[in-house]
Amino acid sequence: MKAPAIALLLSLACTRACPAERERDLLGAVEDWEQGRLALQQGDATQALARFESAAAADPDSPTLVAWQAHALEALDREDEALTRLSEALERFPEDGDLRFNRAALRARAGQLDGAAADLLILSSQGRLDAQQASADPDLARLRERPDLAAIVAPPRLEVELSGSSGRVLLGDAWELSLLLETAEGAAVDIRDMGEAPRLLRRTRVVEDRLASRPGRALRRLETSWQAVEPGQGTLGPWLLSSAGSSALTEPLAVEVLELGARSGSLGRASPEALILPGELLADRQPPWLGRIGEDLVLYLPSLARAEVEVQGQVLLPREEWELREQSQPVARALVYDPPASARIRVLSPGAPALDWSWPSAP
C-alpha cells in the first residue's frame, strides 16, 4: 500500500470564490491533514486517524483524505475497516487511482487475490497501472505465487526493436542504425556491446527522440549514423540492454565496407564504441555546458544556439553530434570533439548574452 500523493489533497482552488465560512473549513482541513500526516510519521496512528477524519468531515469530496484514513487504519491493524472505507469511496470516486491501487494492496494482504487482481486490471485497462510500482510493492507479492495472476505484477519488461542499413556500404558513405527502446519511466539503461568494436565505422551522429508512451513507460527512438572508414567485413553487436531488472539481447548486424575507384585505403579511425544514449550521458547537465565526458570534450547547447570553436585561429569541427528531441521536436544538442590542448569557444543563443569560454579553463 502506498501513501497517497500530497499533490492530490483537497480542492482548494476554489477558496477565493468560496464563501468565507467554506474557506475556513477547507483551511482547517488542510491543517488537520498536515497534523495527521505528522502524527503518522511519528508513529501515532490513532491521532493521525482522528485528524484525517476531521479533515474529511470538512472536505467530504476529497478521495485523497479517504486514502489517508485507510493508511492510518492499516497502521492500526484495522485492515477490514480500511478495506470498507476504500470500497465505499470507490463507489463515489471510481476513477481514483490511489484508492483502487491501495484497495488492491489490502485485498492481496487479506488473501483476496482475485479481488486484488481485478483492481489492478482495471487500472491497467485505464492505462494507469505503474508496472514498476506494482512489481515492487510487497503487499502484492502473493499474486506472484499464482501462475494465472503473476503476469499482472511482473517486473516491467524492456522492449527493444533494432534495425540497420543494408549490409553493404561504400567506403566514405553513411551507415544507419535504428533502435526503438521501451523501458519503465525514469529507469536507467545499461548498454553492453557483446561483439567486436566497430572497427569499420566511425560514429558521426546520434539522435535520441523521446516519444509519447503509456503511463509509467518511456519510449525512445535512437537513430545512429556512422561513416564507413575502413574496407572489410565485420559485425556490429549483439548488444545486451538492461533496465529495471529486465534485459534484452539484440541480434548482431553484419556490415561490409567496399572500396570503389578512388575510394580506397583508410579514412580515419573507427569509433571505440557503438551505441550510446546521449540523454543519459547528459542527464545531470543543463545547456549551455562545456566539459569532459569520458575522453571527449563535449559542448552541450540549446537547440537554437550555435557555437564557434577555434584552435590557434583555426575552426575546430566536431567529430560527432548528439541531438535530443521530445516527440520529434529538437530540444538540445551536443558537439563532441577530440580535446585540444587549448581552444576559444563562443556560444551564441537567441535572446541570451554571448558566452566566451576558454578551454581547458572551466566555463
Protein backbone atom coordinates (compact mmCIF):
# COMPACT_ATOMS: atom_id res chain seq x y z
CA MET A 1 0.00 0.00 0.00
CA LYS A 2 1.29 3.47 -0.80
CA ALA A 3 0.85 6.81 0.91
CA PRO A 4 -1.50 8.97 -1.19
CA ALA A 5 0.11 11.71 -3.20
CA ILE A 6 0.24 15.02 -1.35
CA ALA A 7 -0.37 16.92 -4.58
CA LEU A 8 -3.88 15.48 -4.81
CA LEU A 9 -5.01 16.92 -1.49
CA LEU A 10 -8.23 18.92 -1.33
CA SER A 11 -10.00 21.17 -3.79
CA LEU A 12 -8.54 24.43 -2.55
CA ALA A 13 -8.51 26.04 -5.99
CA CYS A 14 -11.95 27.43 -5.18
CA THR A 15 -11.02 29.20 -1.94
CA ARG A 16 -11.10 32.71 -3.35
CA ALA A 17 -14.54 32.15 -4.84
CA CYS A 18 -15.88 30.23 -1.82
CA PRO A 19 -17.85 31.84 0.98
CA ALA A 20 -15.70 32.82 3.95
CA GLU A 21 -17.12 30.01 6.10
CA ARG A 22 -16.34 27.39 3.45
CA GLU A 23 -12.84 28.79 3.05
CA ARG A 24 -12.27 28.45 6.80
CA ASP A 25 -13.46 24.82 6.65
CA LEU A 26 -11.07 23.97 3.86
CA LEU A 27 -8.13 25.69 5.52
CA GLY A 28 -8.96 23.80 8.71
CA ALA A 29 -8.99 20.57 6.71
CA VAL A 30 -5.52 21.34 5.40
CA GLU A 31 -4.30 21.92 8.94
CA ASP A 32 -5.86 18.66 10.14
CA TRP A 33 -4.33 16.76 7.24
CA GLU A 34 -0.87 18.18 7.90
CA GLN A 35 -1.10 17.34 11.60
CA GLY A 36 -2.39 13.85 10.77
CA ARG A 37 0.47 13.18 8.37
CA LEU A 38 2.96 14.36 11.01
CA ALA A 39 1.36 12.12 13.66
CA LEU A 40 1.56 9.15 11.29
CA GLN A 41 5.26 9.81 10.69
CA GLN A 42 5.77 9.88 14.46
CA GLY A 43 4.00 6.55 14.94
CA ASP A 44 0.78 7.89 16.46
CA ALA A 45 -1.74 6.32 14.08
CA THR A 46 -4.67 6.92 16.46
CA GLN A 47 -4.09 10.68 16.45
CA ALA A 48 -3.46 10.58 12.69
CA LEU A 49 -6.80 8.84 12.06
CA ALA A 50 -8.67 11.40 14.16
CA ARG A 51 -7.06 14.25 12.23
CA PHE A 52 -7.80 12.68 8.83
CA GLU A 53 -11.42 12.06 9.81
CA SER A 54 -11.76 15.66 10.93
CA ALA A 55 -10.29 16.86 7.63
CA ALA A 56 -12.65 14.60 5.67
CA ALA A 57 -15.65 15.95 7.57
CA ALA A 58 -14.66 19.45 6.43
CA ASP A 59 -13.94 18.34 2.85
CA PRO A 60 -16.09 15.26 2.12
CA ASP A 61 -15.39 15.44 -1.61
CA SER A 62 -11.69 14.61 -1.27
CA PRO A 63 -10.88 10.96 -2.15
CA THR A 64 -7.31 11.60 -1.03
CA LEU A 65 -8.44 12.09 2.56
CA VAL A 66 -10.21 8.73 2.49
CA ALA A 67 -7.00 7.13 1.27
CA TRP A 68 -5.12 8.69 4.19
CA GLN A 69 -7.73 7.35 6.62
CA ALA A 70 -7.20 3.87 5.19
CA HIS A 71 -3.45 4.36 5.56
CA ALA A 72 -3.89 5.17 9.26
CA LEU A 73 -6.32 2.27 9.80
CA GLU A 74 -3.79 -0.09 8.24
CA ALA A 75 -1.15 1.18 10.66
CA LEU A 76 -3.59 0.34 13.49
CA ASP A 77 -4.04 -3.22 12.14
CA ARG A 78 -7.68 -2.44 11.33
CA GLU A 79 -7.40 -3.62 7.75
CA ASP A 80 -11.04 -4.72 7.41
CA GLU A 81 -12.18 -1.19 8.25
CA ALA A 82 -9.61 0.22 5.84
CA LEU A 83 -10.95 -2.00 3.07
CA THR A 84 -14.52 -0.95 3.83
CA ARG A 85 -13.66 2.74 3.61
CA LEU A 86 -11.76 2.28 0.38
CA SER A 87 -14.62 0.32 -1.16
CA GLU A 88 -17.19 2.91 -0.12
CA ALA A 89 -15.01 5.68 -1.52
CA LEU A 90 -14.54 3.85 -4.82
CA GLU A 91 -18.30 3.76 -5.27
CA ARG A 92 -18.18 7.59 -5.20
CA PHE A 93 -14.81 8.03 -6.94
CA PRO A 94 -14.40 5.03 -9.29
CA GLU A 95 -11.68 6.76 -11.33
CA ASP A 96 -9.36 7.48 -8.40
CA GLY A 97 -6.14 5.53 -8.98
CA ASP A 98 -4.75 5.80 -5.44
CA LEU A 99 -7.93 4.41 -3.89
CA ARG A 100 -8.01 1.47 -6.29
CA PHE A 101 -4.30 0.64 -6.01
CA ASN A 102 -4.45 0.76 -2.21
CA ARG A 103 -7.53 -1.46 -2.16
CA ALA A 104 -5.70 -3.94 -4.40
CA ALA A 105 -2.77 -3.98 -1.96
CA LEU A 106 -5.03 -4.51 1.07
CA ARG A 107 -7.03 -7.18 -0.72
CA ALA A 108 -3.83 -9.04 -1.54
CA ARG A 109 -2.64 -8.89 2.07
CA ALA A 110 -6.01 -10.23 3.20
CA GLY A 111 -5.75 -13.14 0.76
CA GLN A 112 -8.40 -11.77 -1.59
CA LEU A 113 -6.16 -12.31 -4.58
CA ASP A 114 -8.87 -12.35 -7.26
CA GLY A 115 -10.24 -9.04 -5.98
CA ALA A 116 -6.74 -7.53 -5.90
CA ALA A 117 -6.13 -8.71 -9.45
CA ALA A 118 -9.46 -7.23 -10.58
CA ASP A 119 -8.48 -3.80 -9.23
CA LEU A 120 -5.08 -3.93 -10.91
CA LEU A 121 -6.58 -5.00 -14.21
CA ILE A 122 -9.00 -2.06 -14.07
CA LEU A 123 -6.05 0.29 -13.56
CA SER A 124 -4.20 -1.41 -16.41
CA SER A 125 -7.19 -1.06 -18.76
CA GLN A 126 -7.27 2.66 -17.94
CA GLY A 127 -3.54 2.95 -18.71
CA ARG A 128 -2.90 3.95 -15.08
CA LEU A 129 -1.06 0.94 -13.66
CA ASP A 130 2.60 1.64 -12.91
CA ALA A 131 4.08 -1.80 -13.59
CA GLN A 132 7.33 -0.93 -11.81
CA GLN A 133 5.48 0.13 -8.67
CA ALA A 134 3.19 -2.92 -8.75
CA SER A 135 6.11 -5.32 -9.16
CA ALA A 136 7.96 -3.75 -6.22
CA ASP A 137 5.03 -3.46 -3.79
CA PRO A 138 5.47 -6.12 -1.05
CA ASP A 139 1.70 -6.22 -0.41
CA LEU A 140 1.19 -7.62 -3.92
CA ALA A 141 3.83 -10.32 -3.61
CA ARG A 142 1.26 -13.08 -3.12
CA LEU A 143 -0.12 -12.53 -6.60
CA ARG A 144 3.21 -13.69 -7.99
CA GLU A 145 2.61 -17.08 -6.34
CA ARG A 146 -0.43 -17.68 -8.57
CA PRO A 147 0.59 -18.63 -12.13
CA ASP A 148 -2.65 -17.17 -13.50
CA LEU A 149 -2.07 -13.81 -11.79
CA ALA A 150 1.72 -13.44 -11.76
CA ALA A 151 1.83 -11.57 -15.07
CA ILE A 152 -0.20 -8.69 -13.60
CA VAL A 153 2.61 -7.79 -11.19
CA ALA A 154 5.54 -8.94 -13.29
CA PRO A 155 8.50 -6.52 -13.45
CA PRO A 156 8.19 -4.16 -16.41
CA ARG A 157 9.85 -5.64 -19.46
CA LEU A 158 12.49 -3.95 -21.51
CA GLU A 159 11.29 -3.89 -25.13
CA VAL A 160 13.86 -3.45 -27.91
CA GLU A 161 13.46 -3.31 -31.68
CA LEU A 162 16.65 -2.97 -33.74
CA SER A 163 17.14 -2.38 -37.48
CA GLY A 164 20.10 -1.34 -39.60
CA SER A 165 21.12 -0.35 -43.12
CA SER A 166 21.81 -2.86 -45.84
CA GLY A 167 24.88 -4.93 -45.03
CA ARG A 168 26.98 -3.37 -47.83
CA VAL A 169 28.18 0.22 -47.89
CA LEU A 170 30.80 2.09 -49.92
CA LEU A 171 33.86 3.45 -48.18
CA GLY A 172 33.07 7.01 -47.09
CA ASP A 173 29.29 6.57 -47.20
CA ALA A 174 26.86 6.57 -44.28
CA TRP A 175 25.60 3.52 -42.42
CA GLU A 176 22.47 3.86 -40.26
CA LEU A 177 21.02 2.03 -37.27
CA SER A 178 17.64 2.49 -35.60
CA LEU A 179 16.75 1.31 -32.10
CA LEU A 180 13.28 1.56 -30.55
CA LEU A 181 13.51 1.20 -26.80
CA GLU A 182 10.69 1.00 -24.23
CA THR A 183 11.51 0.95 -20.52
CA ALA A 184 9.97 1.78 -17.17
CA GLU A 185 9.66 5.56 -16.75
CA GLY A 186 12.81 7.03 -15.23
CA ALA A 187 14.74 3.74 -15.32
CA ALA A 188 18.37 3.91 -16.46
CA VAL A 189 19.50 1.70 -19.34
CA ASP A 190 22.85 -0.08 -19.48
CA ILE A 191 24.15 -0.99 -22.95
CA ARG A 192 26.93 -3.56 -23.29
CA ASP A 193 28.50 -4.43 -26.63
CA MET A 194 28.81 -8.22 -26.66
CA GLY A 195 30.61 -8.31 -30.01
CA GLU A 196 33.65 -6.68 -31.55
CA ALA A 197 34.35 -2.96 -31.61
CA PRO A 198 33.01 -1.30 -34.81
CA ARG A 199 36.43 -1.26 -36.49
CA LEU A 200 34.96 -0.39 -39.92
CA LEU A 201 32.81 2.57 -38.89
CA ARG A 202 33.13 5.96 -37.21
CA ARG A 203 30.06 7.24 -35.38
CA THR A 204 29.10 10.72 -36.59
CA ARG A 205 25.61 11.46 -35.27
CA VAL A 206 23.15 10.21 -32.65
CA VAL A 207 19.54 11.40 -32.39
CA GLU A 208 17.60 10.39 -29.29
CA ASP A 209 13.87 11.10 -29.51
CA ARG A 210 11.59 10.68 -26.50
CA LEU A 211 8.20 9.67 -27.83
CA ALA A 212 4.72 9.66 -26.31
CA SER A 213 4.10 6.43 -24.41
CA ARG A 214 1.89 4.72 -21.84
CA PRO A 215 1.80 5.89 -18.20
CA GLY A 216 4.76 4.52 -16.30
CA ARG A 217 6.65 3.72 -19.51
CA ALA A 218 9.25 5.62 -21.53
CA LEU A 219 9.55 5.13 -25.29
CA ARG A 220 12.68 6.30 -27.06
CA ARG A 221 13.87 6.06 -30.65
CA LEU A 222 17.63 6.11 -31.18
CA GLU A 223 18.94 6.90 -34.66
CA THR A 224 22.69 6.41 -35.02
CA SER A 225 24.78 7.30 -38.10
CA TRP A 226 28.28 6.13 -38.95
CA GLN A 227 30.71 6.80 -41.76
CA ALA A 228 32.44 3.78 -43.31
CA VAL A 229 36.16 4.42 -42.75
CA GLU A 230 37.86 1.03 -43.30
CA PRO A 231 37.26 -1.56 -46.03
CA GLY A 232 36.40 -5.07 -44.93
CA GLN A 233 33.71 -7.22 -43.36
CA GLY A 234 32.50 -7.36 -39.78
CA THR A 235 29.54 -7.17 -37.45
CA LEU A 236 28.08 -4.69 -35.01
CA GLY A 237 26.70 -6.10 -31.78
CA PRO A 238 24.95 -8.01 -30.47
CA TRP A 239 24.09 -5.62 -27.65
CA LEU A 240 22.83 -6.55 -24.20
CA LEU A 241 20.48 -3.90 -22.84
CA SER A 242 19.45 -3.97 -19.18
CA SER A 243 16.96 -1.80 -17.30
CA ALA A 244 14.97 -2.14 -14.05
CA GLY A 245 15.71 -5.83 -13.64
CA SER A 246 14.85 -6.74 -17.23
CA SER A 247 17.21 -7.33 -20.14
CA ALA A 248 17.15 -7.94 -23.88
CA LEU A 249 19.81 -9.17 -26.30
CA THR A 250 19.73 -7.86 -29.86
CA GLU A 251 20.83 -9.67 -32.98
CA PRO A 252 24.24 -8.79 -34.45
CA LEU A 253 24.22 -6.72 -37.63
CA ALA A 254 26.54 -7.64 -40.49
CA VAL A 255 28.33 -4.86 -42.37
CA GLU A 256 30.66 -4.92 -45.39
CA VAL A 257 32.58 -1.82 -46.50
CA LEU A 258 33.54 -1.83 -50.17
CA GLU A 259 36.28 0.10 -51.97
CA LEU A 260 35.46 1.62 -55.33
CA GLY A 261 37.78 3.55 -57.62
CA ALA A 262 39.38 6.44 -55.79
CA ARG A 263 37.66 5.36 -52.59
CA SER A 264 40.31 3.12 -51.08
CA GLY A 265 42.51 2.86 -48.04
CA SER A 266 41.58 4.33 -44.67
CA LEU A 267 39.52 7.46 -43.95
CA GLY A 268 40.45 7.73 -40.28
CA ARG A 269 39.97 5.88 -37.05
CA ALA A 270 36.84 3.95 -36.15
CA SER A 271 34.67 4.64 -33.10
CA PRO A 272 35.69 2.74 -29.95
CA GLU A 273 32.05 2.01 -29.09
CA ALA A 274 28.82 1.63 -31.00
CA LEU A 275 25.63 2.52 -29.11
CA ILE A 276 25.12 5.29 -26.56
CA LEU A 277 22.11 7.10 -25.08
CA PRO A 278 23.04 10.82 -25.10
CA GLY A 279 20.12 11.71 -22.81
CA GLU A 280 21.60 9.60 -20.03
CA LEU A 281 25.15 10.85 -20.59
CA LEU A 282 23.90 14.45 -20.34
CA ALA A 283 21.17 13.93 -17.75
CA ASP A 284 22.83 15.85 -14.88
CA ARG A 285 23.81 18.83 -17.03
CA GLN A 286 21.94 21.85 -18.32
CA PRO A 287 22.86 23.60 -21.60
CA PRO A 288 24.92 25.58 -22.25
CA TRP A 289 27.64 23.39 -20.72
CA LEU A 290 31.23 22.53 -21.58
CA GLY A 291 33.27 19.70 -20.14
CA ARG A 292 34.61 16.20 -20.47
CA ILE A 293 32.51 13.07 -20.81
CA GLY A 294 34.91 10.16 -20.79
CA GLU A 295 37.82 11.11 -23.03
CA ASP A 296 35.80 13.57 -25.12
CA LEU A 297 35.27 17.30 -24.92
CA VAL A 298 31.51 17.91 -25.12
CA LEU A 299 29.79 21.23 -25.80
CA TYR A 300 26.11 20.97 -24.80
CA LEU A 301 23.83 23.61 -26.34
CA PRO A 302 20.16 24.62 -26.53
CA SER A 303 18.71 23.54 -29.85
CA LEU A 304 18.79 27.04 -31.41
CA ALA A 305 22.25 28.00 -30.18
CA ARG A 306 25.35 27.94 -32.35
CA ALA A 307 28.96 27.58 -31.40
CA GLU A 308 32.32 28.77 -32.74
CA VAL A 309 35.30 26.72 -31.61
CA GLU A 310 38.78 27.93 -32.58
CA VAL A 311 42.18 26.36 -32.03
CA GLN A 312 45.09 28.68 -32.81
CA GLY A 313 42.86 30.72 -35.11
CA GLN A 314 41.53 27.69 -36.99
CA VAL A 315 37.95 26.43 -36.80
CA LEU A 316 37.72 23.10 -34.99
CA LEU A 317 35.00 20.83 -36.36
CA PRO A 318 33.20 18.36 -34.09
CA ARG A 319 33.89 14.67 -34.55
CA GLU A 320 30.31 13.83 -33.69
CA GLU A 321 26.94 15.42 -32.89
CA TRP A 322 24.23 14.29 -30.48
CA GLU A 323 20.69 15.64 -30.70
CA LEU A 324 17.92 15.33 -28.11
CA ARG A 325 14.28 15.56 -29.16
CA GLU A 326 10.89 15.39 -27.48
CA GLN A 327 8.22 13.89 -29.75
CA SER A 328 10.35 14.72 -32.79
CA GLN A 329 10.88 18.36 -31.75
CA PRO A 330 14.52 19.46 -31.16
CA VAL A 331 15.34 20.25 -27.54
CA ALA A 332 19.13 20.36 -27.30
CA ARG A 333 22.28 19.13 -29.00
CA ALA A 334 25.85 18.33 -28.09
CA LEU A 335 29.02 18.70 -30.16
CA VAL A 336 31.75 16.17 -29.43
CA TYR A 337 35.43 16.96 -30.02
CA ASP A 338 38.78 15.33 -29.56
CA PRO A 339 40.06 17.54 -26.71
CA PRO A 340 42.55 20.16 -27.93
CA ALA A 341 45.32 21.46 -25.71
CA SER A 342 43.56 24.84 -25.72
CA ALA A 343 40.64 26.44 -27.52
CA ARG A 344 38.46 29.53 -27.61
CA ILE A 345 34.75 28.76 -27.57
CA ARG A 346 31.97 31.22 -28.27
CA VAL A 347 28.30 30.30 -27.75
CA LEU A 348 25.54 32.39 -29.31
CA SER A 349 21.94 31.76 -28.17
CA PRO A 350 18.88 33.77 -29.30
CA GLY A 351 17.80 36.18 -26.58
CA ALA A 352 20.79 35.44 -24.34
CA PRO A 353 24.19 37.11 -23.89
CA ALA A 354 27.04 35.61 -25.87
CA LEU A 355 29.32 33.32 -23.88
CA ASP A 356 33.10 33.28 -24.31
CA TRP A 357 34.88 30.31 -22.83
CA SER A 358 38.47 29.17 -22.85
CA TRP A 359 39.43 25.54 -22.76
CA PRO A 360 40.77 23.99 -20.54
CA SER A 361 39.66 26.72 -18.15
CA ALA A 362 36.27 25.91 -16.60
CA PRO A 363 33.37 27.93 -18.08
